[in-house]
């Protein structure tokens, strides 16, 4: 074989390798480029509890963002695809439908609330406004509740809760908030759980909680009602002289279970509409501070928990 043929063979092999590399880079099923989960990562869970969405961003104003869809059905967790997001995202949450996300962000300088199909990336504009939106909920089909900013004072952004229905927006509660206030719902009852640990009814009638809920003041509380009422509570634990959300339990009409293990700095919690599945992220290695994403499902006495592997993809 001549030098020319040898060189031609090498060039052909190199071009083939580059082509394969480019093709693999276009696949929906490539491993996550940066599998690190930061404390600001947002999680959403579908109404059935069988799909999970992870939204991540790097620190900084013009930071890289990505969104990934996971299937967590029948005890098998795997990444399905990367979801295409708008140019700037503030907040994500699951919509009322099983295949739709609520996404609030900015595009071409305008604050927008979208619905995005998690399998096709198709976007539908729900609302256009002048201020950032956060903590999105589709209370019932076509009825949206969110926290909308209205001004900045002393470097803090103040917001009020708004409800959007049939294209009409109204203020739901006139108290301004400069930090996230936990919001939850049971049927038509909506309540806030602000930092001062006082439950405040802002719409609907106060519901009857399952026995054991609020038997001691939790750090956070979220409840859902499908056929029965289920609640998710977290309590503060002392870690190196500081208190963090750590002890977690599910409690409802069907019983009560604690999430086994020692959890450090639990965050990003989302509860499915049937109240029986929770997704959250937490530090899993005390030395490296590496975080992982975990799924907890209701079971008598001890909740079933497993970690969602970031790099396992659909076959």
Protein backbone atom coordinates (compact mmCIF):
# COMPACT_ATOMS: atom_id res chain seq x y z
CA UNK A 1 0.00 0.00 0.00
CA UNK A 2 1.39 3.43 -1.01
CA UNK A 3 1.82 6.37 1.35
CA UNK A 4 -1.01 8.11 -0.53
CA UNK A 5 -3.42 5.22 0.11
CA UNK A 6 -2.35 5.00 3.77
CA UNK A 7 -2.96 8.72 4.25
CA UNK A 8 -6.32 8.49 2.44
CA UNK A 9 -7.40 5.63 4.74
CA UNK A 10 -6.40 7.60 7.85
CA UNK A 11 -8.28 10.71 6.66
CA UNK A 12 -11.38 8.61 5.88
CA UNK A 13 -11.27 7.01 9.34
CA UNK A 14 -10.84 10.42 10.95
CA UNK A 15 -13.81 11.88 9.05
CA UNK A 16 -15.93 8.87 10.01
CA UNK A 17 -14.99 9.30 13.69
CA UNK A 18 -15.85 13.01 13.55
CA UNK A 19 -19.20 12.23 11.91
CA UNK A 20 -20.06 9.67 14.58
CA UNK A 21 -19.07 12.14 17.29
CA UNK A 22 -21.30 14.85 15.79
CA UNK A 23 -24.21 12.45 15.44
CA UNK A 24 -23.88 11.32 19.05
CA UNK A 25 -23.84 14.97 20.12
CA UNK A 26 -27.21 15.52 18.41
CA UNK A 27 -28.90 12.67 20.24
CA UNK A 28 -31.53 13.32 22.88
CA UNK A 29 -29.94 10.57 24.94
CA UNK A 30 -26.41 11.89 25.46
CA UNK A 31 -25.19 11.82 29.08
CA UNK A 32 -25.63 15.05 31.04
CA UNK A 33 -22.69 17.30 30.24
CA UNK A 34 -22.49 18.65 33.80
CA UNK A 35 -24.25 16.28 36.20
CA UNK A 36 -23.72 18.54 39.21
CA UNK A 37 -26.91 19.42 41.10
CA UNK A 38 -26.70 22.81 42.78
CA UNK A 39 -28.83 23.93 45.70
CA UNK A 40 -30.86 26.20 43.39
CA UNK A 41 -31.95 23.37 41.07
CA UNK A 42 -35.72 23.25 40.51
CA UNK A 43 -37.71 20.02 40.35
CA UNK A 44 -41.25 19.38 39.11
CA UNK A 45 -43.29 16.18 39.16
CA UNK A 46 -46.20 15.18 36.94
CA UNK A 47 -49.71 14.65 38.39
CA UNK A 48 -49.30 10.85 38.23
CA UNK A 49 -45.85 10.96 39.85
CA UNK A 50 -44.34 9.09 36.88
CA UNK A 51 -42.41 11.97 35.25
CA UNK A 52 -39.86 14.34 36.79
CA UNK A 53 -38.42 17.53 35.30
CA UNK A 54 -35.06 18.96 36.39
CA UNK A 55 -34.19 22.60 35.68
CA UNK A 56 -30.59 23.70 36.31
CA UNK A 57 -28.67 26.89 35.82
CA UNK A 58 -25.16 28.07 36.52
CA UNK A 59 -24.67 31.12 38.77
CA UNK A 60 -24.62 34.49 37.01
CA UNK A 61 -26.95 36.73 35.05
CA UNK A 62 -26.17 35.20 31.65
CA UNK A 63 -25.72 31.66 32.84
CA UNK A 64 -26.19 28.38 31.01
CA UNK A 65 -29.50 26.63 31.65
CA UNK A 66 -30.76 23.17 30.84
CA UNK A 67 -33.91 21.14 31.48
CA UNK A 68 -34.16 17.35 31.57
CA UNK A 69 -37.12 14.98 31.62
CA UNK A 70 -36.95 11.73 33.60
CA UNK A 71 -39.28 8.75 33.67
CA UNK A 72 -39.67 7.26 37.17
CA UNK A 73 -42.40 4.71 36.51
CA UNK A 74 -42.55 1.22 38.05
CA UNK A 75 -39.40 1.70 40.12
CA UNK A 76 -37.20 2.32 37.06
CA UNK A 77 -35.66 5.79 36.69
CA UNK A 78 -34.11 6.96 33.45
CA UNK A 79 -33.53 10.19 31.55
CA UNK A 80 -35.86 10.55 28.57
CA UNK A 81 -34.77 13.75 26.83
CA UNK A 82 -33.58 17.33 27.15
CA UNK A 83 -36.43 19.86 26.95
CA UNK A 84 -35.80 23.01 24.91
CA UNK A 85 -36.35 26.08 27.09
CA UNK A 86 -36.77 29.82 26.39
CA UNK A 87 -33.69 32.05 26.44
CA UNK A 88 -34.16 33.01 30.11
CA UNK A 89 -36.17 31.04 32.71
CA UNK A 90 -37.25 32.16 36.19
CA UNK A 91 -39.42 29.30 37.39
CA UNK A 92 -40.84 25.93 36.34
CA UNK A 93 -43.71 23.78 37.59
CA UNK A 94 -45.93 21.00 36.29
CA UNK A 95 -49.20 22.00 34.65
CA UNK A 96 -52.53 20.28 35.18
CA UNK A 97 -51.94 17.95 32.21
CA UNK A 98 -49.53 15.02 32.42
CA UNK A 99 -47.44 16.16 29.44
CA UNK A 100 -47.29 19.93 30.04
CA UNK A 101 -44.89 22.15 31.99
CA UNK A 102 -45.50 25.68 33.23
CA UNK A 103 -42.44 27.82 32.50
CA UNK A 104 -42.02 31.49 33.40
CA UNK A 105 -39.21 33.46 31.84
CA UNK A 106 -38.09 36.19 29.48
CA UNK A 107 -37.96 36.24 25.71
CA UNK A 108 -37.14 39.32 23.63
CA UNK A 109 -37.34 41.42 26.79
CA UNK A 110 -40.89 40.33 27.69
CA UNK A 111 -41.94 38.31 30.77
CA UNK A 112 -44.01 35.34 29.62
CA UNK A 113 -45.78 32.35 31.17
CA UNK A 114 -45.76 29.37 28.79
CA UNK A 115 -47.07 25.86 28.66
CA UNK A 116 -44.45 23.58 27.10
CA UNK A 117 -45.07 20.02 25.90
CA UNK A 118 -42.34 17.92 27.55
CA UNK A 119 -42.19 15.50 24.60
CA UNK A 120 -42.39 17.88 21.61
CA UNK A 121 -41.18 21.26 23.04
CA UNK A 122 -44.32 22.93 21.61
CA UNK A 123 -44.95 26.23 23.43
CA UNK A 124 -48.26 27.94 24.18
CA UNK A 125 -48.32 31.45 25.65
CA UNK A 126 -50.57 31.67 28.72
CA UNK A 127 -49.75 35.18 29.92
CA UNK A 128 -47.56 38.16 29.01
CA UNK A 129 -46.55 40.70 31.64
CA UNK A 130 -43.98 43.31 32.59
CA UNK A 131 -42.59 41.68 35.75
CA UNK A 132 -40.98 38.30 36.60
CA UNK A 133 -43.26 35.43 37.69
CA UNK A 134 -42.47 32.72 40.22
CA UNK A 135 -44.04 29.79 42.09
CA UNK A 136 -46.39 28.71 39.34
CA UNK A 137 -49.54 26.63 39.90
CA UNK A 138 -52.34 25.52 37.62
CA UNK A 139 -54.96 25.18 40.34
CA UNK A 140 -57.62 23.70 38.05
CA UNK A 141 -57.58 23.50 34.23
CA UNK A 142 -57.07 27.04 32.94
CA UNK A 143 -56.85 28.64 36.39
CA UNK A 144 -53.32 29.77 37.24
CA UNK A 145 -51.83 31.15 40.44
CA UNK A 146 -48.39 32.73 40.62
CA UNK A 147 -46.23 35.20 42.50
CA UNK A 148 -45.67 38.35 40.40
CA UNK A 149 -43.03 40.96 41.15
CA UNK A 150 -44.16 44.59 41.31
CA UNK A 151 -41.23 46.59 42.64
CA UNK A 152 -37.78 46.71 44.20
CA UNK A 153 -36.89 48.38 47.50
CA UNK A 154 -33.48 48.34 49.22
CA UNK A 155 -32.31 45.68 46.80
CA UNK A 156 -35.26 43.37 47.54
CA UNK A 157 -37.91 42.39 45.02
CA UNK A 158 -41.48 42.55 46.34
CA UNK A 159 -44.24 40.41 44.87
CA UNK A 160 -47.93 39.63 45.32
CA UNK A 161 -49.96 36.49 44.63
CA UNK A 162 -52.11 36.70 41.51
CA UNK A 163 -54.75 34.47 39.94
CA UNK A 164 -55.28 34.27 36.16
CA UNK A 165 -58.49 32.79 34.76
CA UNK A 166 -60.19 33.20 31.37
CA UNK A 167 -57.59 35.79 30.44
CA UNK A 168 -58.40 37.97 33.47
CA UNK A 169 -55.86 38.55 36.25
CA UNK A 170 -56.70 39.67 39.78
CA UNK A 171 -54.71 40.06 42.96
CA UNK A 172 -55.28 37.11 45.24
CA UNK A 173 -53.72 38.46 48.41
CA UNK A 174 -52.58 42.01 49.05
CA UNK A 175 -49.72 41.28 51.42
CA UNK A 176 -46.34 41.85 49.71
CA UNK A 177 -43.61 39.23 49.99
CA UNK A 178 -39.88 39.77 49.63
CA UNK A 179 -39.15 36.06 49.91
CA UNK A 180 -40.79 32.82 48.86
CA UNK A 181 -43.86 31.97 50.89
CA UNK A 182 -44.85 28.33 50.77
CA UNK A 183 -48.18 27.84 49.05
CA UNK A 184 -50.37 24.75 49.12
CA UNK A 185 -53.84 23.65 48.17
CA UNK A 186 -56.51 21.15 49.12
CA UNK A 187 -59.48 21.29 46.76
CA UNK A 188 -60.51 24.97 46.67
CA UNK A 189 -58.58 25.87 49.79
CA UNK A 190 -55.36 27.77 49.30
CA UNK A 191 -53.00 28.78 52.08
CA UNK A 192 -49.61 30.39 52.56
CA UNK A 193 -46.92 29.19 54.90
CA UNK A 194 -44.65 32.24 55.22
CA UNK A 195 -41.33 32.44 57.09
CA UNK A 196 -43.05 33.49 60.32
CA UNK A 197 -44.68 30.03 60.50
CA UNK A 198 -48.29 31.22 60.45
CA UNK A 199 -50.83 29.48 58.23
CA UNK A 200 -52.88 32.11 56.41
CA UNK A 201 -56.01 31.35 54.41
CA UNK A 202 -56.14 33.45 51.27
CA UNK A 203 -58.89 31.65 49.36
CA UNK A 204 -61.43 28.98 50.20
CA UNK A 205 -62.35 27.47 53.55
CA UNK A 206 -59.94 25.95 56.04
CA UNK A 207 -59.89 22.20 55.36
CA UNK A 208 -59.72 19.31 57.75
CA UNK A 209 -56.16 17.98 57.85
CA UNK A 210 -55.43 14.26 58.33
CA UNK A 211 -54.62 13.22 61.91
CA UNK A 212 -51.03 14.05 62.82
CA UNK A 213 -50.57 16.98 60.44
CA UNK A 214 -49.29 20.00 62.35
CA UNK A 215 -48.95 17.98 65.57
CA UNK A 216 -45.68 19.91 65.78
CA UNK A 217 -44.69 22.90 63.69
CA UNK A 218 -42.90 21.73 60.52
CA UNK A 219 -40.45 23.71 58.45
CA UNK A 220 -42.58 23.18 55.37
CA UNK A 221 -45.94 21.63 54.59
CA UNK A 222 -47.56 20.69 51.30
CA UNK A 223 -50.86 18.86 50.84
CA UNK A 224 -52.74 17.44 47.87
CA UNK A 225 -56.13 15.82 47.62
CA UNK A 226 -57.05 13.26 45.00
CA UNK A 227 -59.30 10.54 46.39
CA UNK A 228 -57.72 11.05 49.81
CA UNK A 229 -55.69 13.85 51.39
CA UNK A 230 -51.92 13.41 51.62
CA UNK A 231 -49.41 15.84 53.11
CA UNK A 232 -45.62 16.17 53.01
CA UNK A 233 -43.90 17.67 56.04
CA UNK A 234 -40.26 18.52 56.71
CA UNK A 235 -38.62 19.40 60.03
CA UNK A 236 -35.37 21.16 60.88
CA UNK A 237 -32.33 19.13 61.96
CA UNK A 238 -29.10 20.36 63.55
CA UNK A 239 -26.06 19.84 61.29
CA UNK A 240 -22.71 21.23 62.49
CA UNK A 241 -24.44 23.79 64.67
CA UNK A 242 -26.80 24.96 61.93
CA UNK A 243 -30.40 23.95 61.33
CA UNK A 244 -31.45 22.60 57.93
CA UNK A 245 -34.56 20.84 56.60
CA UNK A 246 -33.82 17.17 57.08
CA UNK A 247 -36.47 14.94 58.68
CA UNK A 248 -39.28 14.23 56.22
CA UNK A 249 -42.54 12.32 56.32
CA UNK A 250 -45.71 11.67 54.34
CA UNK A 251 -48.96 11.64 56.25
CA UNK A 252 -52.58 11.32 55.22
CA UNK A 253 -55.87 9.51 55.38
CA UNK A 254 -54.15 6.25 54.40
CA UNK A 255 -51.45 6.38 57.07
CA UNK A 256 -48.07 7.87 57.85
CA UNK A 257 -44.52 7.06 56.77
CA UNK A 258 -41.12 8.58 57.42
CA UNK A 259 -38.44 8.91 54.79
CA UNK A 260 -35.51 6.75 55.97
CA UNK A 261 -31.99 8.14 56.04
CA UNK A 262 -30.17 11.29 57.10
CA UNK A 263 -30.96 14.18 54.78
CA UNK A 264 -28.89 17.37 54.66
CA UNK A 265 -30.17 20.59 53.08
CA UNK A 266 -33.18 19.08 51.36
CA UNK A 267 -34.49 21.42 48.65
CA UNK A 268 -36.44 21.62 45.40
CA UNK A 269 -39.30 19.53 46.80
CA UNK A 270 -42.32 18.83 44.56
CA UNK A 271 -45.39 16.74 45.45
CA UNK A 272 -47.48 14.88 42.86
CA UNK A 273 -51.18 15.70 42.59
CA UNK A 274 -52.22 12.41 44.19
CA UNK A 275 -49.95 13.26 47.13
CA UNK A 276 -48.20 9.89 47.11
CA UNK A 277 -44.92 10.74 45.36
CA UNK A 278 -42.35 13.39 46.25
CA UNK A 279 -39.16 14.39 44.47
CA UNK A 280 -36.39 16.41 46.13
CA UNK A 281 -32.63 16.94 46.04
CA UNK A 282 -30.28 16.74 49.00
CA UNK A 283 -26.61 16.43 49.91
CA UNK A 284 -25.69 12.76 49.70
CA UNK A 285 -21.97 13.00 50.52
CA UNK A 286 -21.04 15.02 53.61
CA UNK A 287 -17.40 15.39 52.58
CA UNK A 288 -17.77 16.43 48.93
CA UNK A 289 -21.21 18.09 49.43
CA UNK A 290 -22.36 16.33 46.25
CA UNK A 291 -26.12 16.48 45.82
CA UNK A 292 -28.45 13.84 44.41
CA UNK A 293 -32.09 13.71 43.28
CA UNK A 294 -34.36 11.37 45.22
CA UNK A 295 -37.88 10.04 44.80
CA UNK A 296 -40.04 9.05 47.78
CA UNK A 297 -43.29 7.13 47.46
CA UNK A 298 -45.86 6.48 50.16
CA UNK A 299 -45.78 3.07 51.86
CA UNK A 300 -46.97 1.97 55.32
CA UNK A 301 -44.61 3.12 58.12
CA UNK A 302 -41.46 3.59 55.96
CA UNK A 303 -41.58 5.50 52.68
CA UNK A 304 -39.89 3.92 49.67
CA UNK A 305 -36.92 6.01 48.48
CA UNK A 306 -34.49 5.70 45.60
CA UNK A 307 -32.04 8.00 43.85
CA UNK A 308 -32.68 9.10 40.28
CA UNK A 309 -29.51 8.38 38.25
CA UNK A 310 -28.69 11.38 36.06
CA UNK A 311 -26.88 9.52 33.29
CA UNK A 312 -29.10 6.48 32.78
CA UNK A 313 -30.97 7.05 29.53
CA UNK A 314 -33.81 5.40 27.64
CA UNK A 315 -32.77 2.41 25.54
